[in-house]
PDB file of N, CA and C in Angstrom:
ATOM      1  N   ARG A   1      91.223 -72.821  50.501  1.00  0.00           N
ATOM      2  CA  ARG A   1      92.398 -73.061  49.688  1.00  0.00           C
ATOM      3  C   ARG A   1      92.279 -72.301  48.387  1.00  0.00           C
ATOM      4  N   HIS A   2      93.412 -71.849  47.942  1.00  0.00           N
ATOM      5  CA  HIS A   2      93.434 -71.095  46.697  1.00  0.00           C
ATOM      6  C   HIS A   2      94.590 -71.621  45.855  1.00  0.00           C
ATOM      7  N   PHE A   3      94.291 -72.080  44.647  1.00  0.00           N
ATOM      8  CA  PHE A   3      95.309 -72.645  43.769  1.00  0.00           C
ATOM      9  C   PHE A   3      95.486 -71.772  42.553  1.00  0.00           C
ATOM     10  N   LEU A   4      96.739 -71.678  42.078  1.00  0.00           N
ATOM     11  CA  LEU A   4      97.053 -70.920  40.880  1.00  0.00           C
ATOM     12  C   LEU A   4      97.796 -71.819  39.906  1.00  0.00           C
ATOM     13  N   LEU A   5      97.552 -71.600  38.636  1.00  0.00           N
ATOM     14  CA  LEU A   5      98.300 -72.328  37.617  1.00  0.00           C
ATOM     15  C   LEU A   5      99.737 -71.833  37.615  1.00  0.00           C
ATOM     16  N   LEU A   6     100.676 -72.759  37.409  1.00  0.00           N
ATOM     17  CA  LEU A   6     102.083 -72.395  37.370  1.00  0.00           C
ATOM     18  C   LEU A   6     102.348 -71.351  36.291  1.00  0.00           C
ATOM     19  N   SER A   7     101.697 -71.479  35.157  1.00  0.00           N
ATOM     20  CA  SER A   7     101.908 -70.512  34.072  1.00  0.00           C
ATOM     21  C   SER A   7     101.502 -69.105  34.512  1.00  0.00           C
ATOM     22  N   ARG A   8     100.477 -69.004  35.341  1.00  0.00           N
ATOM     23  CA  ARG A   8     100.048 -67.686  35.835  1.00  0.00           C
ATOM     24  C   ARG A   8     101.072 -67.122  36.820  1.00  0.00           C
ATOM     25  N   ILE A   9     101.628 -67.994  37.656  1.00  0.00           N
ATOM     26  CA  ILE A   9     102.637 -67.552  38.615  1.00  0.00           C
ATOM     27  C   ILE A   9     103.889 -67.070  37.886  1.00  0.00           C
ATOM     28  N   LEU A  10     104.297 -67.797  36.850  1.00  0.00           N
ATOM     29  CA  LEU A  10     105.536 -67.472  36.138  1.00  0.00           C
ATOM     30  C   LEU A  10     105.408 -66.278  35.206  1.00  0.00           C
ATOM     31  N   ASP A  11     104.194 -65.852  34.930  1.00  0.00           N
ATOM     32  CA  ASP A  11     103.985 -64.673  34.086  1.00  0.00           C
ATOM     33  C   ASP A  11     104.317 -63.429  34.916  1.00  0.00           C
ATOM     34  N   ARG A  12     105.406 -62.768  34.574  1.00  0.00           N
ATOM     35  CA  ARG A  12     105.877 -61.609  35.354  1.00  0.00           C
ATOM     36  C   ARG A  12     104.856 -60.479  35.414  1.00  0.00           C
ATOM     37  N   ASN A  13     103.941 -60.421  34.480  1.00  0.00           N
ATOM     38  CA  ASN A  13     102.927 -59.358  34.470  1.00  0.00           C
ATOM     39  C   ASN A  13     101.922 -59.502  35.607  1.00  0.00           C
ATOM     40  N   ASN A  14     101.840 -60.670  36.229  1.00  0.00           N
ATOM     41  CA  ASN A  14     100.870 -60.881  37.302  1.00  0.00           C
ATOM     42  C   ASN A  14     101.396 -60.465  38.675  1.00  0.00           C
ATOM     43  N   GLY A  15     102.686 -60.142  38.771  1.00  0.00           N
ATOM     44  CA  GLY A  15     103.223 -59.601  40.018  1.00  0.00           C
ATOM     45  C   GLY A  15     103.573 -60.618  41.085  1.00  0.00           C
ATOM     46  N   TYR A  16     103.587 -61.905  40.763  1.00  0.00           N
ATOM     47  CA  TYR A  16     103.939 -62.900  41.761  1.00  0.00           C
ATOM     48  C   TYR A  16     105.449 -63.035  41.946  1.00  0.00           C
ATOM     49  N   LEU A  17     106.221 -62.656  40.915  1.00  0.00           N
ATOM     50  CA  LEU A  17     107.675 -62.768  40.979  1.00  0.00           C
ATOM     51  C   LEU A  17     108.286 -61.394  41.209  1.00  0.00           C
ATOM     52  N   ASP A  18     109.360 -61.363  42.021  1.00  0.00           N
ATOM     53  CA  ASP A  18     110.040 -60.086  42.226  1.00  0.00           C
ATOM     54  C   ASP A  18     111.029 -59.845  41.087  1.00  0.00           C
ATOM     55  N   GLU A  19     111.805 -58.773  41.201  1.00  0.00           N
ATOM     56  CA  GLU A  19     112.718 -58.399  40.120  1.00  0.00           C
ATOM     57  C   GLU A  19     113.801 -59.449  39.857  1.00  0.00           C
ATOM     58  N   ASN A  20     114.080 -60.314  40.838  1.00  0.00           N
ATOM     59  CA  ASN A  20     115.076 -61.373  40.669  1.00  0.00           C
ATOM     60  C   ASN A  20     114.462 -62.676  40.164  1.00  0.00           C
ATOM     61  N   GLY A  21     113.151 -62.689  39.966  1.00  0.00           N
ATOM     62  CA  GLY A  21     112.481 -63.907  39.522  1.00  0.00           C
ATOM     63  C   GLY A  21     112.093 -64.822  40.671  1.00  0.00           C
ATOM     64  N   SER A  22     112.227 -64.357  41.916  1.00  0.00           N
ATOM     65  CA  SER A  22     111.846 -65.158  43.083  1.00  0.00           C
ATOM     66  C   SER A  22     110.357 -64.996  43.352  1.00  0.00           C
ATOM     67  N   LEU A  23     109.743 -66.061  43.776  1.00  0.00           N
ATOM     68  CA  LEU A  23     108.316 -66.046  44.091  1.00  0.00           C
ATOM     69  C   LEU A  23     108.093 -65.348  45.426  1.00  0.00           C
ATOM     70  N   LYS A  24     107.162 -64.414  45.432  1.00  0.00           N
ATOM     71  CA  LYS A  24     106.793 -63.734  46.667  1.00  0.00           C
ATOM     72  C   LYS A  24     105.556 -64.432  47.227  1.00  0.00           C
ATOM     73  N   VAL A  25     105.616 -64.811  48.492  1.00  0.00           N
ATOM     74  CA  VAL A  25     104.477 -65.473  49.127  1.00  0.00           C
ATOM     75  C   VAL A  25     104.136 -64.710  50.404  1.00  0.00           C
ATOM     76  N   TYR A  26     102.886 -64.325  50.513  1.00  0.00           N
ATOM     77  CA  TYR A  26     102.388 -63.680  51.722  1.00  0.00           C
ATOM     78  C   TYR A  26     101.338 -64.607  52.311  1.00  0.00           C
ATOM     79  N   ALA A  27     101.529 -64.998  53.552  1.00  0.00           N
ATOM     80  CA  ALA A  27     100.615 -65.955  54.156  1.00  0.00           C
ATOM     81  C   ALA A  27     100.414 -65.635  55.629  1.00  0.00           C
ATOM     82  N   THR A  28      99.280 -66.004  56.119  1.00  0.00           N
ATOM     83  CA  THR A  28      99.015 -65.956  57.546  1.00  0.00           C
ATOM     84  C   THR A  28      99.180 -67.366  58.064  1.00  0.00           C
ATOM     85  N   ILE A  29     100.044 -67.520  59.049  1.00  0.00           N
ATOM     86  CA  ILE A  29     100.336 -68.840  59.590  1.00  0.00           C
ATOM     87  C   ILE A  29      99.882 -68.875  61.037  1.00  0.00           C
ATOM     88  N   GLN A  30      99.124 -69.877  61.381  1.00  0.00           N
ATOM     89  CA  GLN A  30      98.693 -70.049  62.762  1.00  0.00           C
ATOM     90  C   GLN A  30      99.534 -71.148  63.371  1.00  0.00           C
ATOM     91  N   ILE A  31     100.204 -70.852  64.466  1.00  0.00           N
ATOM     92  CA  ILE A  31     101.057 -71.825  65.136  1.00  0.00           C
ATOM     93  C   ILE A  31     100.278 -72.426  66.290  1.00  0.00           C
ATOM     94  N   GLU A  32     100.196 -73.743  66.279  1.00  0.00           N
ATOM     95  CA  GLU A  32      99.521 -74.434  67.364  1.00  0.00           C
ATOM     96  C   GLU A  32     100.546 -75.184  68.185  1.00  0.00           C
ATOM     97  N   GLN A  33     100.364 -75.159  69.476  1.00  0.00           N
ATOM     98  CA  GLN A  33     101.262 -75.859  70.387  1.00  0.00           C
ATOM     99  C   GLN A  33     100.413 -76.727  71.300  1.00  0.00           C
ATOM    100  N   THR A  34     101.040 -77.749  71.833  1.00  0.00           N
ATOM    101  CA  THR A  34     100.334 -78.629  72.752  1.00  0.00           C
ATOM    102  C   THR A  34     100.874 -78.434  74.159  1.00  0.00           C
ATOM    103  N   ASN A  35      99.977 -78.296  75.093  1.00  0.00           N
ATOM    104  CA  ASN A  35     100.365 -78.223  76.489  1.00  0.00           C
ATOM    105  C   ASN A  35     100.641 -79.652  76.935  1.00  0.00           C
ATOM    106  N   ASN A  36     101.903 -79.954  77.263  1.00  0.00           N
ATOM    107  CA  ASN A  36     102.282 -81.330  77.595  1.00  0.00           C
ATOM    108  C   ASN A  36     101.562 -81.889  78.815  1.00  0.00           C
ATOM    109  N   SER A  37     101.213 -81.040  79.772  1.00  0.00           N
ATOM    110  CA  SER A  37     100.592 -81.564  80.987  1.00  0.00           C
ATOM    111  C   SER A  37      99.123 -81.942  80.764  1.00  0.00           C
ATOM    112  N   THR A  38      98.415 -81.216  79.902  1.00  0.00           N
ATOM    113  CA  THR A  38      96.999 -81.514  79.704  1.00  0.00           C
ATOM    114  C   THR A  38      96.719 -82.117  78.335  1.00  0.00           C
ATOM    115  N   GLY A  39      97.666 -81.965  77.405  1.00  0.00           N
ATOM    116  CA  GLY A  39      97.447 -82.445  76.050  1.00  0.00           C
ATOM    117  C   GLY A  39      96.566 -81.509  75.231  1.00  0.00           C
ATOM    118  N   ALA A  40      96.168 -80.381  75.814  1.00  0.00           N
ATOM    119  CA  ALA A  40      95.295 -79.453  75.112  1.00  0.00           C
ATOM    120  C   ALA A  40      96.107 -78.628  74.112  1.00  0.00           C
ATOM    121  N   ALA A  41      95.499 -78.378  72.970  1.00  0.00           N
ATOM    122  CA  ALA A  41      96.154 -77.562  71.949  1.00  0.00           C
ATOM    123  C   ALA A  41      95.659 -76.135  72.070  1.00  0.00           C
ATOM    124  N   PHE A  42      96.537 -75.191  71.842  1.00  0.00           N
ATOM    125  CA  PHE A  42      96.125 -73.796  71.824  1.00  0.00           C
ATOM    126  C   PHE A  42      96.861 -73.084  70.707  1.00  0.00           C
ATOM    127  N   ALA A  43      96.242 -72.058  70.187  1.00  0.00           N
ATOM    128  CA  ALA A  43      96.826 -71.308  69.076  1.00  0.00           C
ATOM    129  C   ALA A  43      97.527 -70.081  69.617  1.00  0.00           C
ATOM    130  N   GLY A  44      98.723 -69.828  69.099  1.00  0.00           N
ATOM    131  CA  GLY A  44      99.441 -68.623  69.482  1.00  0.00           C
ATOM    132  C   GLY A  44      98.754 -67.410  68.874  1.00  0.00           C
ATOM    133  N   THR A  45      98.801 -66.308  69.564  1.00  0.00           N
ATOM    134  CA  THR A  45      98.171 -65.105  69.036  1.00  0.00           C
ATOM    135  C   THR A  45      99.239 -64.076  68.720  1.00  0.00           C
ATOM    136  N   ASN A  46      99.005 -63.315  67.677  1.00  0.00           N
ATOM    137  CA  ASN A  46      99.929 -62.270  67.253  1.00  0.00           C
ATOM    138  C   ASN A  46     101.353 -62.791  67.072  1.00  0.00           C
ATOM    139  N   THR A  47     101.479 -63.984  66.560  1.00  0.00           N
ATOM    140  CA  THR A  47     102.786 -64.570  66.320  1.00  0.00           C
ATOM    141  C   THR A  47     103.264 -64.163  64.936  1.00  0.00           C
ATOM    142  N   THR A  48     104.434 -63.571  64.878  1.00  0.00           N
ATOM    143  CA  THR A  48     104.989 -63.147  63.600  1.00  0.00           C
ATOM    144  C   THR A  48     106.205 -63.996  63.295  1.00  0.00           C
ATOM    145  N   TRP A  49     106.251 -64.535  62.090  1.00  0.00           N
ATOM    146  CA  TRP A  49     107.383 -65.333  61.643  1.00  0.00           C
ATOM    147  C   TRP A  49     107.931 -64.729  60.369  1.00  0.00           C
ATOM    148  N   THR A  50     109.218 -64.516  60.341  1.00  0.00           N
ATOM    149  CA  THR A  50     109.877 -63.992  59.159  1.00  0.00           C
ATOM    150  C   THR A  50     110.756 -65.094  58.584  1.00  0.00           C
ATOM    151  N   PRO A  51     110.574 -65.429  57.311  1.00  0.00           N
ATOM    152  CA  PRO A  51     111.409 -66.470  56.724  1.00  0.00           C
ATOM    153  C   PRO A  51     112.873 -66.039  56.704  1.00  0.00           C
ATOM    154  N   PRO A  52     113.778 -67.001  56.811  1.00  0.00           N
ATOM    155  CA  PRO A  52     115.200 -66.647  56.830  1.00  0.00           C
ATOM    156  C   PRO A  52     115.644 -66.036  55.513  1.00  0.00           C
ATOM    157  N   ARG A  53     116.577 -65.109  55.604  1.00  0.00           N
ATOM    158  CA  ARG A  53     117.168 -64.504  54.419  1.00  0.00           C
ATOM    159  C   ARG A  53     118.351 -65.344  53.995  1.00  0.00           C
ATOM    160  N   GLY A  54     118.850 -65.103  52.815  1.00  0.00           N
ATOM    161  CA  GLY A  54     119.988 -65.861  52.320  1.00  0.00           C
ATOM    162  C   GLY A  54     119.515 -66.885  51.318  1.00  0.00           C
ATOM    163  N   ASN A  55     120.351 -67.863  51.069  1.00  0.00           N
ATOM    164  CA  ASN A  55     119.923 -68.888  50.131  1.00  0.00           C
ATOM    165  C   ASN A  55     120.284 -70.268  50.641  1.00  0.00           C
ATOM    166  N   LEU A  56     119.671 -71.254  50.080  1.00  0.00           N
ATOM    167  CA  LEU A  56     119.814 -72.621  50.560  1.00  0.00           C
ATOM    168  C   LEU A  56     121.249 -73.112  50.464  1.00  0.00           C
ATOM    169  N   VAL A  57     121.937 -72.774  49.392  1.00  0.00           N
ATOM    170  CA  VAL A  57     123.325 -73.238  49.227  1.00  0.00           C
ATOM    171  C   VAL A  57     124.197 -72.728  50.371  1.00  0.00           C
ATOM    172  N   ASN A  58     124.083 -71.441  50.690  1.00  0.00           N
ATOM    173  CA  ASN A  58     124.879 -70.897  51.792  1.00  0.00           C
ATOM    174  C   ASN A  58     124.473 -71.492  53.134  1.00  0.00           C
ATOM    175  N   ASP A  59     123.181 -71.715  53.335  1.00  0.00           N
ATOM    176  CA  ASP A  59     122.707 -72.311  54.584  1.00  0.00           C
ATOM    177  C   ASP A  59     123.235 -73.734  54.747  1.00  0.00           C
ATOM    178  N   MET A  60     123.213 -74.495  53.658  1.00  0.00           N
ATOM    179  CA  MET A  60     123.717 -75.877  53.718  1.00  0.00           C
ATOM    180  C   MET A  60     125.231 -75.883  53.948  1.00  0.00           C
ATOM    181  N   ARG A  61     125.946 -74.963  53.316  1.00  0.00           N
ATOM    182  CA  ARG A  61     127.400 -74.865  53.519  1.00  0.00           C
ATOM    183  C   ARG A  61     127.713 -74.555  54.976  1.00  0.00           C
ATOM    184  N   ARG A  62     126.972 -73.611  55.553  1.00  0.00           N
ATOM    185  CA  ARG A  62     127.177 -73.242  56.964  1.00  0.00           C
ATOM    186  C   ARG A  62     126.905 -74.435  57.878  1.00  0.00           C
ATOM    187  N   LEU A  63     125.853 -75.194  57.569  1.00  0.00           N
ATOM    188  CA  LEU A  63     125.523 -76.377  58.360  1.00  0.00           C
ATOM    189  C   LEU A  63     126.639 -77.403  58.282  1.00  0.00           C
ATOM    190  N   LEU A  64     127.164 -77.628  57.082  1.00  0.00           N
ATOM    191  CA  LEU A  64     128.256 -78.584  56.888  1.00  0.00           C
ATOM    192  C   LEU A  64     129.518 -78.138  57.614  1.00  0.00           C
ATOM    193  N   GLU A  65     129.867 -76.877  57.468  1.00  0.00           N
ATOM    194  CA  GLU A  65     131.098 -76.374  58.078  1.00  0.00           C
ATOM    195  C   GLU A  65     131.026 -76.345  59.598  1.00  0.00           C
ATOM    196  N   SER A  66     129.858 -76.064  60.145  1.00  0.00           N
ATOM    197  CA  SER A  66     129.724 -75.975  61.602  1.00  0.00           C
ATOM    198  C   SER A  66     129.600 -77.353  62.245  1.00  0.00           C
ATOM    199  N   GLY A  67     129.079 -78.325  61.498  1.00  0.00           N
ATOM    200  CA  GLY A  67     128.853 -79.647  62.073  1.00  0.00           C
ATOM    201  C   GLY A  67     127.669 -79.675  63.029  1.00  0.00           C
ATOM    202  N   GLU A  68     126.911 -78.597  63.076  1.00  0.00           N
ATOM    203  CA  GLU A  68     125.763 -78.503  63.986  1.00  0.00           C
ATOM    204  C   GLU A  68     124.762 -79.632  63.715  1.00  0.00           C
ATOM    205  N   ASN A  69     124.358 -80.321  64.753  1.00  0.00           N
ATOM    206  CA  ASN A  69     123.383 -81.420  64.699  1.00  0.00           C
ATOM    207  C   ASN A  69     123.841 -82.593  63.837  1.00  0.00           C
ATOM    208  N   ALA A  70     125.141 -82.716  63.605  1.00  0.00           N
ATOM    209  CA  ALA A  70     125.654 -83.853  62.835  1.00  0.00           C
ATOM    210  C   ALA A  70     125.386 -85.143  63.596  1.00  0.00           C
ATOM    211  N   ASP A  71     125.002 -86.180  62.861  1.00  0.00           N
ATOM    212  CA  ASP A  71     124.741 -87.463  63.508  1.00  0.00           C
ATOM    213  C   ASP A  71     125.561 -88.604  62.899  1.00  0.00           C
ATOM    214  N   VAL A  72     126.523 -88.250  62.040  1.00  0.00           N
ATOM    215  CA  VAL A  72     127.452 -89.196  61.429  1.00  0.00           C
ATOM    216  C   VAL A  72     128.811 -88.503  61.365  1.00  0.00           C
ATOM    217  N   VAL A  73     129.883 -89.270  61.546  1.00  0.00           N
ATOM    218  CA  VAL A  73     131.222 -88.712  61.403  1.00  0.00           C
ATOM    219  C   VAL A  73     132.018 -89.619  60.472  1.00  0.00           C
ATOM    220  N   PHE A  74     132.583 -89.024  59.425  1.00  0.00           N
ATOM    221  CA  PHE A  74     133.497 -89.750  58.543  1.00  0.00           C
ATOM    222  C   PHE A  74     134.902 -89.565  59.101  1.00  0.00           C
ATOM    223  N   ILE A  75     135.629 -90.660  59.252  1.00  0.00           N
ATOM    224  CA  ILE A  75     137.018 -90.603  59.682  1.00  0.00           C
ATOM    225  C   ILE A  75     137.849 -91.024  58.481  1.00  0.00           C
ATOM    226  N   VAL A  76     138.652 -90.096  57.978  1.00  0.00           N
ATOM    227  CA  VAL A  76     139.420 -90.329  56.763  1.00  0.00           C
ATOM    228  C   VAL A  76     140.906 -90.267  57.107  1.00  0.00           C
ATOM    229  N   GLY A  77     141.645 -91.260  56.650  1.00  0.00           N
ATOM    230  CA  GLY A  77     143.085 -91.277  56.885  1.00  0.00           C
ATOM    231  C   GLY A  77     143.507 -92.604  57.475  1.00  0.00           C
ATOM    232  N   SER A  78     144.586 -92.594  58.212  1.00  0.00           N
ATOM    233  CA  SER A  78     145.129 -93.825  58.776  1.00  0.00           C
ATOM    234  C   SER A  78     144.380 -94.213  60.047  1.00  0.00           C
ATOM    235  N   ASN A  79     144.731 -95.366  60.571  1.00  0.00           N
ATOM    236  CA  ASN A  79     144.129 -95.822  61.829  1.00  0.00           C
ATOM    237  C   ASN A  79     144.632 -95.010  63.017  1.00  0.00           C
ATOM    238  N   ASP A  80     145.706 -94.277  62.813  1.00  0.00           N
ATOM    239  CA  ASP A  80     146.270 -93.430  63.859  1.00  0.00           C
ATOM    240  C   ASP A  80     145.381 -92.200  64.026  1.00  0.00           C
ATOM    241  N   GLN A  81     144.806 -92.020  65.197  1.00  0.00           N
ATOM    242  CA  GLN A  81     143.899 -90.895  65.455  1.00  0.00           C
ATOM    243  C   GLN A  81     144.554 -89.549  65.171  1.00  0.00           C
ATOM    244  N   GLU A  82     145.864 -89.445  65.380  1.00  0.00           N
ATOM    245  CA  GLU A  82     146.563 -88.181  65.167  1.00  0.00           C
ATOM    246  C   GLU A  82     146.599 -87.787  63.698  1.00  0.00           C
ATOM    247  N   GLU A  83     146.625 -88.779  62.791  1.00  0.00           N
ATOM    248  CA  GLU A  83     146.772 -88.488  61.371  1.00  0.00           C
ATOM    249  C   GLU A  83     145.460 -88.562  60.600  1.00  0.00           C
ATOM    250  N   SER A  84     144.379 -88.940  61.248  1.00  0.00           N
ATOM    251  CA  SER A  84     143.096 -89.031  60.548  1.00  0.00           C
ATOM    252  C   SER A  84     142.346 -87.705  60.650  1.00  0.00           C
ATOM    253  N   HIS A  85     141.435 -87.503  59.708  1.00  0.00           N
ATOM    254  CA  HIS A  85     140.613 -86.293  59.686  1.00  0.00           C
ATOM    255  C   HIS A  85     139.172 -86.693  59.908  1.00  0.00           C
ATOM    256  N   ARG A  86     138.458 -85.899  60.697  1.00  0.00           N
ATOM    257  CA  ARG A  86     137.054 -86.179  61.018  1.00  0.00           C
ATOM    258  C   ARG A  86     136.164 -85.164  60.303  1.00  0.00           C
ATOM    259  N   PHE A  87     135.114 -85.690  59.645  1.00  0.00           N
ATOM    260  CA  PHE A  87     134.169 -84.845  58.923  1.00  0.00           C
ATOM    261  C   PHE A  87     132.758 -85.146  59.417  1.00  0.00           C
ATOM    262  N   PRO A  88     132.162 -84.223  60.192  1.00  0.00           N
ATOM    263  CA  PRO A  88     130.783 -84.450  60.639  1.00  0.00           C
ATOM    264  C   PRO A  88     129.826 -84.330  59.454  1.00  0.00           C
ATOM    265  N   ALA A  89     128.749 -85.108  59.499  1.00  0.00           N
ATOM    266  CA  ALA A  89     127.763 -85.090  58.417  1.00  0.00           C
ATOM    267  C   ALA A  89     126.373 -85.351  59.001  1.00  0.00           C
ATOM    268  N   HIS A  90     125.374 -85.293  58.140  1.00  0.00           N
ATOM    269  CA  HIS A  90     123.979 -85.438  58.547  1.00  0.00           C
ATOM    270  C   HIS A  90     123.347 -86.577  57.756  1.00  0.00           C
ATOM    271  N   LYS A  91     122.826 -87.576  58.461  1.00  0.00           N
ATOM    272  CA  LYS A  91     122.248 -88.758  57.815  1.00  0.00           C
ATOM    273  C   LYS A  91     121.181 -88.398  56.792  1.00  0.00           C
ATOM    274  N   ASN A  92     120.283 -87.520  57.151  1.00  0.00           N
ATOM    275  CA  ASN A  92     119.179 -87.198  56.236  1.00  0.00           C
ATOM    276  C   ASN A  92     119.670 -86.585  54.935  1.00  0.00           C
ATOM    277  N   ILE A  93     120.697 -85.751  55.018  1.00  0.00           N
ATOM    278  CA  ILE A  93     121.232 -85.158  53.793  1.00  0.00           C
ATOM    279  C   ILE A  93     121.949 -86.214  52.964  1.00  0.00           C
ATOM    280  N   LEU A  94     122.757 -87.040  53.613  1.00  0.00           N
ATOM    281  CA  LEU A  94     123.446 -88.117  52.894  1.00  0.00           C
ATOM    282  C   LEU A  94     122.452 -89.050  52.209  1.00  0.00           C
ATOM    283  N   LYS A  95     121.397 -89.439  52.942  1.00  0.00           N
ATOM    284  CA  LYS A  95     120.395 -90.357  52.392  1.00  0.00           C
ATOM    285  C   LYS A  95     119.633 -89.727  51.236  1.00  0.00           C
ATOM    286  N   SER A  96     119.363 -88.431  51.308  1.00  0.00           N
ATOM    287  CA  SER A  96     118.592 -87.799  50.242  1.00  0.00           C
ATOM    288  C   SER A  96     119.426 -87.558  48.982  1.00  0.00           C
ATOM    289  N   ARG A  97     120.749 -87.512  49.138  1.00  0.00           N
ATOM    290  CA  ARG A  97     121.620 -87.216  47.995  1.00  0.00           C
ATOM    291  C   ARG A  97     122.267 -88.451  47.385  1.00  0.00           C
ATOM    292  N   SER A  98     122.200 -89.599  48.070  1.00  0.00           N
ATOM    293  CA  SER A  98     122.912 -90.775  47.580  1.00  0.00           C
ATOM    294  C   SER A  98     122.147 -92.051  47.920  1.00  0.00           C
ATOM    295  N   ASN A  99     121.803 -92.822  46.904  1.00  0.00           N
ATOM    296  CA  ASN A  99     121.133 -94.102  47.150  1.00  0.00           C
ATOM    297  C   ASN A  99     122.032 -95.065  47.917  1.00  0.00           C
ATOM    298  N   THR A 100     123.326 -94.982  47.679  1.00  0.00           N
ATOM    299  CA  THR A 100     124.266 -95.850  48.398  1.00  0.00           C
ATOM    300  C   THR A 100     124.227 -95.552  49.887  1.00  0.00           C
ATOM    301  N   PHE A 101     124.328 -94.278  50.252  1.00  0.00           N
ATOM    302  CA  PHE A 101     124.250 -93.921  51.664  1.00  0.00           C
ATOM    303  C   PHE A 101     122.867 -94.252  52.223  1.00  0.00           C
ATOM    304  N   LYS A 102     121.836 -94.065  51.435  1.00  0.00           N
ATOM    305  CA  LYS A 102     120.484 -94.378  51.900  1.00  0.00           C
ATOM    306  C   LYS A 102     120.391 -95.840  52.309  1.00  0.00           C
ATOM    307  N   GLU A 103     120.870 -96.725  51.452  1.00  0.00           N
ATOM    308  CA  GLU A 103     120.836 -98.159  51.777  1.00  0.00           C
ATOM    309  C   GLU A 103     121.700 -98.468  52.984  1.00  0.00           C
ATOM    310  N   MET A 104     122.901 -97.905  53.023  1.00  0.00           N
ATOM    311  CA  MET A 104     123.806 -98.173  54.141  1.00  0.00           C
ATOM    312  C   MET A 104     123.215 -97.694  55.470  1.00  0.00           C
ATOM    313  N   LEU A 105     122.718 -96.469  55.479  1.00  0.00           N
ATOM    314  CA  LEU A 105     122.227 -95.894  56.730  1.00  0.00           C
ATOM    315  C   LEU A 105     120.905 -96.499  57.163  1.00  0.00           C
ATOM    316  N   GLU A 106     120.056 -96.933  56.230  1.00  0.00           N
ATOM    317  CA  GLU A 106     118.823 -97.616  56.619  1.00  0.00           C
ATOM    318  C   GLU A 106     119.130 -98.984  57.182  1.00  0.00           C
ATOM    319  N   ASP A 107     120.176 -99.658  56.671  1.00  0.00           N
ATOM    320  CA  ASP A 107     120.586-100.943  57.229  1.00  0.00           C
ATOM    321  C   ASP A 107     121.068-100.779  58.655  1.00  0.00           C
ATOM    322  N   VAL A 108     121.801 -99.697  58.934  1.00  0.00           N
ATOM    323  CA  VAL A 108     122.315 -99.427  60.282  1.00  0.00           C
ATOM    324  C   VAL A 108     121.153 -99.200  61.243  1.00  0.00           C
ATOM    325  N   VAL A 109     120.161 -98.425  60.814  1.00  0.00           N
ATOM    326  CA  VAL A 109     118.994 -98.127  61.672  1.00  0.00           C
ATOM    327  C   VAL A 109     118.208 -99.398  61.939  1.00  0.00           C
ATOM    328  N   SER A 110     117.948-100.188  60.908  1.00  0.00           N
ATOM    329  CA  SER A 110     117.120-101.387  61.102  1.00  0.00           C
ATOM    330  C   SER A 110     117.840-102.435  61.945  1.00  0.00           C
ATOM    331  N   SER A 111     119.172-102.512  61.867  1.00  0.00           N
ATOM    332  CA  SER A 111     119.881-103.506  62.677  1.00  0.00           C
ATOM    333  C   SER A 111     120.007-103.074  64.120  1.00  0.00           C
ATOM    334  N   SER A 112     119.885-101.776  64.391  1.00  0.00           N
ATOM    335  CA  SER A 112     119.978-101.305  65.777  1.00  0.00           C
ATOM    336  C   SER A 112     118.631-101.332  66.497  1.00  0.00           C
ATOM    337  N   GLU A 113     117.547-101.552  65.752  1.00  0.00           N
ATOM    338  CA  GLU A 113     116.211-101.551  66.379  1.00  0.00           C
ATOM    339  C   GLU A 113     115.918-102.826  67.126  1.00  0.00           C
TER     340      GLU A 113
END
């Protein structure tokens, strides 16, 4: 393990930050997988992983707009299905951003167990 002081990382003269002020990280990552039939673990060889480009705000917006992997749906409007609007959402995001949703959604999970 190698640790650096935050002040050293933030000092632009040390070369850890790029021209935009973003932290550059170079790492070797070993991916381990488990063989389900034997339970044996093995390490992948020559596995290359490239972190996604873009930014978190755009990624979260795309996730919200697509509804991909949504596990909650807000129905807004009248009781008439034709006039109501459906908004897919994600429990984990709601819980992490709102204590009210956190309490509500944890109550739902615990009552269904």
